[in-house]
Each structure stands twice: as structure tokens, then as C-alpha cells.
């Protein structure tokens, strides 16, 4: 819980009343390693803060080797199928934990209540959405402007712990190359 407070304190000063109301709406969830906690065609009903663990965002395929990993979320970050959450429409992708993971979740309805009831809710919501947008924008720009090798190097500069917890097949999909191409990149480096 303190991790969420520290994260939100970076965004804005929150009164004790607003904080108490907000945390009364949070639900702690422990999700076992490799579990899918949002499936394709389900409507995302939560935004969650990762206390510990790693979450993969991906498009499943009949052949698991063809799955497309397009995002990871880590400790001290928010995670959601945010487009589904906002539009209240079925998700086109899935969320899976790669390690035993603990998250704090708030439902769509409870978040709307936080927005209406607290002084700081709308500001936190907007700034969190802006941060999610910036992460997505940076990823798209990297895919368009950087080579696969540069994307690989940047990924591990930003998150060196990835090698220990994320299978290479997911990393290769994330940077947009085959497993064989990733193997060649790793040998060169």
C-alpha cells in the first residue's frame, strides 16, 4: 500500500481524507505465476498497481509460438487493458503474470466514484493516463525508429532485471524479431 502512496505522491499531494477514501476502494489480489487474469473478449474492469511481479500484455494465437507480446508492466507501475477499461468494450488482448504477482486493483465503478468524491481523483486519473500514453508513444516511436538491436539494448538499459524473469521468446516478440534473430543479436552483444 505504501508503494502506491509513494507513487501517487510523486504526482500530487493527497489529503488524508482523499487517500483514505481511495484505499477503501482497493482490492489486493495475489496471482500465481503464468496465470492469465484478463482474457480476450473480456471487458477490463480494473486498473491495478503492481506491488510485486511482472505482467505481460499479448495477443494470443492458436500456435503459442506466434503470440505477439507488445507490453510488460513491472513493480510500481499501473497495468490494465486500458482501452477496454475506458470504452467498456471487450479486450483484444490478454494480461498474464510471468511471476507470482501481487496487485492492488480498483474497479471502473469505484474509480468513477473516486473521481466524483475526492478533490484529487481527477488529477491523479489524468496524470496516470498521460503516463500510460507516454509509455505507449515511446514504444511506438522505438518500433519505427530503432533497429531490433537498439530496441533490445534499450529494453535492458531501462529494465536490466528482465533477463532473469522474462522468457526470451516473449522478448523477441516484444522487440519485433524471431527467436533466431534475437539469438544472433545476443551473440553480437
Protein backbone atom coordinates (compact mmCIF):
# COMPACT_ATOMS: atom_id res chain seq x y z
CA UNK A 1 0.00 0.00 0.00
CA UNK A 2 2.89 2.36 0.78
CA UNK A 3 4.22 1.80 -2.75
CA UNK A 4 1.01 3.22 -4.22
CA UNK A 5 1.15 6.17 -1.85
CA UNK A 6 4.77 6.90 -2.78
CA UNK A 7 3.93 6.63 -6.49
CA UNK A 8 0.92 8.93 -6.23
CA UNK A 9 2.79 11.41 -4.00
CA UNK A 10 5.12 11.97 -6.98
CA UNK A 11 2.09 13.11 -8.95
CA UNK A 12 0.24 15.28 -6.41
CA UNK A 13 -0.33 15.99 -2.72
CA UNK A 14 -3.22 13.90 -1.48
CA UNK A 15 -5.20 14.82 1.62
CA UNK A 16 -5.65 12.15 4.28
CA UNK A 17 -9.41 12.11 3.60
CA UNK A 18 -8.93 11.55 -0.14
CA UNK A 19 -6.27 8.89 0.49
CA UNK A 20 -8.47 7.03 3.00
CA UNK A 21 -11.40 7.06 0.57
CA UNK A 22 -9.21 5.88 -2.31
CA UNK A 23 -7.62 2.98 -0.42
CA UNK A 24 -11.03 1.87 0.84
CA UNK A 25 -11.81 1.04 -2.81
CA UNK A 26 -8.67 -1.02 -3.47
CA UNK A 27 -8.64 -4.81 -3.50
CA UNK A 28 -5.40 -6.76 -3.01
CA UNK A 29 -5.03 -9.70 -5.39
CA UNK A 30 -2.33 -12.35 -5.44
CA UNK A 31 -2.00 -14.05 -8.82
CA UNK A 32 0.05 -17.23 -9.32
CA UNK A 33 2.86 -17.35 -11.88
CA UNK A 34 1.78 -17.80 -15.53
CA UNK A 35 -1.91 -17.05 -14.80
CA UNK A 36 -3.96 -15.11 -17.32
CA UNK A 37 -6.07 -12.63 -15.38
CA UNK A 38 -7.78 -10.92 -18.31
CA UNK A 39 -8.71 -12.89 -21.41
CA UNK A 40 -9.53 -11.81 -24.95
CA UNK A 41 -13.17 -10.67 -25.27
CA UNK A 42 -13.50 -9.91 -21.56
CA UNK A 43 -14.18 -6.32 -20.55
CA UNK A 44 -11.40 -4.91 -18.39
CA UNK A 45 -12.97 -3.83 -15.14
CA UNK A 46 -9.83 -2.89 -13.19
CA UNK A 47 -6.84 -0.66 -13.13
CA UNK A 48 -4.19 -2.28 -10.99
CA UNK A 49 -0.97 -1.19 -9.33
CA UNK A 50 1.76 -3.83 -9.27
CA UNK A 51 3.17 -4.30 -5.77
CA UNK A 52 5.41 -7.13 -6.95
CA UNK A 53 5.76 -9.18 -10.11
CA UNK A 54 5.75 -8.82 -13.89
CA UNK A 55 2.73 -8.67 -16.24
CA UNK A 56 2.80 -9.39 -19.98
CA UNK A 57 0.31 -7.86 -22.43
CA UNK A 58 -0.12 -10.01 -25.52
CA UNK A 59 -2.29 -11.13 -28.40
CA UNK A 60 -2.80 -14.90 -28.16
CA UNK A 61 -2.67 -17.15 -31.22
CA UNK A 62 -3.62 -20.78 -31.77
CA UNK A 63 0.08 -21.53 -32.07
CA UNK A 64 1.67 -20.18 -28.87
CA UNK A 65 4.92 -19.54 -30.79
CA UNK A 66 3.05 -16.93 -32.85
CA UNK A 67 1.73 -14.93 -29.87
CA UNK A 68 2.50 -11.22 -30.05
CA UNK A 69 3.88 -9.68 -26.87
CA UNK A 70 3.53 -5.91 -27.02
CA UNK A 71 4.00 -4.80 -23.45
CA UNK A 72 5.33 -5.54 -19.99
CA UNK A 73 4.44 -3.90 -16.70
CA UNK A 74 6.53 -4.13 -13.56
CA UNK A 75 6.61 -3.41 -9.85
CA UNK A 76 5.46 0.15 -9.03
CA UNK A 77 3.57 0.56 -12.32
CA UNK A 78 -0.09 0.56 -13.21
CA UNK A 79 -1.42 -2.11 -15.54
CA UNK A 80 -4.71 -2.51 -17.37
CA UNK A 81 -6.20 -3.29 -20.74
CA UNK A 82 -6.79 0.42 -20.61
CA UNK A 83 -8.61 0.79 -23.92
CA UNK A 84 -11.15 -1.84 -22.84
CA UNK A 85 -11.37 -0.22 -19.40
CA UNK A 86 -12.15 3.21 -20.84
CA UNK A 87 -14.56 2.13 -23.59
CA UNK A 88 -16.22 -0.70 -21.63
CA UNK A 89 -15.74 -2.96 -24.70
CA UNK A 90 -14.14 -6.42 -24.92
CA UNK A 91 -10.36 -6.57 -24.86
CA UNK A 92 -8.47 -7.63 -27.98
CA UNK A 93 -5.57 -8.93 -25.88
CA UNK A 94 -4.74 -10.70 -22.65
CA UNK A 95 -2.90 -9.93 -19.42
CA UNK A 96 -0.71 -12.66 -17.94
CA UNK A 97 1.58 -12.65 -14.93
CA UNK A 98 5.04 -14.07 -15.58
CA UNK A 99 5.96 -14.37 -11.91
CA UNK A 100 3.93 -14.68 -8.73
CA UNK A 101 2.38 -11.22 -8.67
CA UNK A 102 0.59 -9.04 -6.15
CA UNK A 103 -1.57 -6.19 -7.38
CA UNK A 104 -3.90 -3.61 -5.85
CA UNK A 105 -6.97 -3.12 -8.05
CA UNK A 106 -9.77 -0.62 -8.30
CA UNK A 107 -12.90 -1.27 -10.34
CA UNK A 108 -14.20 1.02 -13.03
CA UNK A 109 -17.24 1.99 -10.93
CA UNK A 110 -15.16 2.65 -7.83
CA UNK A 111 -12.71 4.77 -9.79
CA UNK A 112 -15.59 6.86 -11.12
CA UNK A 113 -16.71 7.31 -7.51
CA UNK A 114 -13.18 8.40 -6.51
CA UNK A 115 -13.26 10.94 -9.36
CA UNK A 116 -16.60 12.34 -8.15
CA UNK A 117 -15.94 12.24 -4.42
CA UNK A 118 -12.34 13.38 -3.94
CA UNK A 119 -10.59 16.63 -4.73
CA UNK A 120 -7.55 14.95 -6.21
CA UNK A 121 -9.12 11.99 -8.08
CA UNK A 122 -9.45 13.63 -11.49
CA UNK A 123 -5.90 14.98 -11.39
CA UNK A 124 -4.44 11.59 -10.48
CA UNK A 125 -6.55 9.90 -13.17
CA UNK A 126 -5.46 12.34 -15.83
CA UNK A 127 -1.78 12.23 -14.91
CA UNK A 128 -1.80 8.42 -14.74
CA UNK A 129 -3.46 8.26 -18.17
CA UNK A 130 -0.84 10.69 -19.51
CA UNK A 131 1.96 8.47 -18.20
CA UNK A 132 0.39 5.39 -19.82
CA UNK A 133 0.12 7.32 -23.09
CA UNK A 134 3.78 8.39 -22.94
CA UNK A 135 4.90 4.78 -22.41
CA UNK A 136 2.81 3.67 -25.40
CA UNK A 137 4.06 6.55 -27.56
CA UNK A 138 7.70 5.82 -26.72
CA UNK A 139 7.23 2.15 -27.63
CA UNK A 140 5.68 3.04 -30.99
CA UNK A 141 8.47 5.50 -31.78
CA UNK A 142 11.10 2.92 -30.86
CA UNK A 143 9.50 0.37 -33.19
CA UNK A 144 9.56 2.90 -36.03
CA UNK A 145 12.95 4.50 -35.44
CA UNK A 146 15.28 1.95 -33.85
CA UNK A 147 16.80 -1.28 -35.10
CA UNK A 148 15.92 -4.52 -33.31
CA UNK A 149 19.36 -4.49 -31.70
CA UNK A 150 18.84 -0.93 -30.42
CA UNK A 151 15.40 -1.87 -29.05
CA UNK A 152 16.95 -4.86 -27.26
CA UNK A 153 19.74 -2.77 -25.74
CA UNK A 154 17.33 -0.01 -24.66
CA UNK A 155 14.99 -2.53 -23.06
CA UNK A 156 17.76 -3.86 -20.85
CA UNK A 157 19.18 -0.45 -20.03
CA UNK A 158 15.75 0.51 -18.70
CA UNK A 159 14.94 -2.86 -17.08
CA UNK A 160 18.08 -5.00 -16.54
CA UNK A 161 16.16 -7.47 -14.38
CA UNK A 162 14.18 -8.62 -17.44
CA UNK A 163 16.68 -11.30 -18.42
CA UNK A 164 16.03 -13.11 -15.16
CA UNK A 165 12.23 -13.21 -15.33
CA UNK A 166 11.04 -12.93 -18.93
CA UNK A 167 11.46 -15.83 -21.36
CA UNK A 168 13.42 -14.90 -24.48
CA UNK A 169 10.52 -15.86 -26.76
CA UNK A 170 8.47 -13.02 -25.21
CA UNK A 171 11.35 -10.58 -25.51
CA UNK A 172 11.87 -11.44 -29.18
CA UNK A 173 8.17 -10.89 -29.87
CA UNK A 174 8.25 -7.61 -27.94
CA UNK A 175 11.14 -6.18 -29.96
CA UNK A 176 9.62 -7.49 -33.19
CA UNK A 177 12.05 -10.23 -34.22
CA UNK A 178 12.13 -14.01 -34.38
CA UNK A 179 13.77 -16.03 -31.62
CA UNK A 180 16.59 -16.86 -34.03
CA UNK A 181 17.21 -13.17 -34.80
CA UNK A 182 17.28 -12.40 -31.07
CA UNK A 183 19.80 -15.16 -30.57
CA UNK A 184 22.04 -13.57 -33.23
CA UNK A 185 21.65 -10.14 -31.60
CA UNK A 186 22.62 -11.56 -28.21
CA UNK A 187 25.70 -13.26 -29.69
CA UNK A 188 26.84 -9.99 -31.27
CA UNK A 189 26.49 -8.17 -27.96
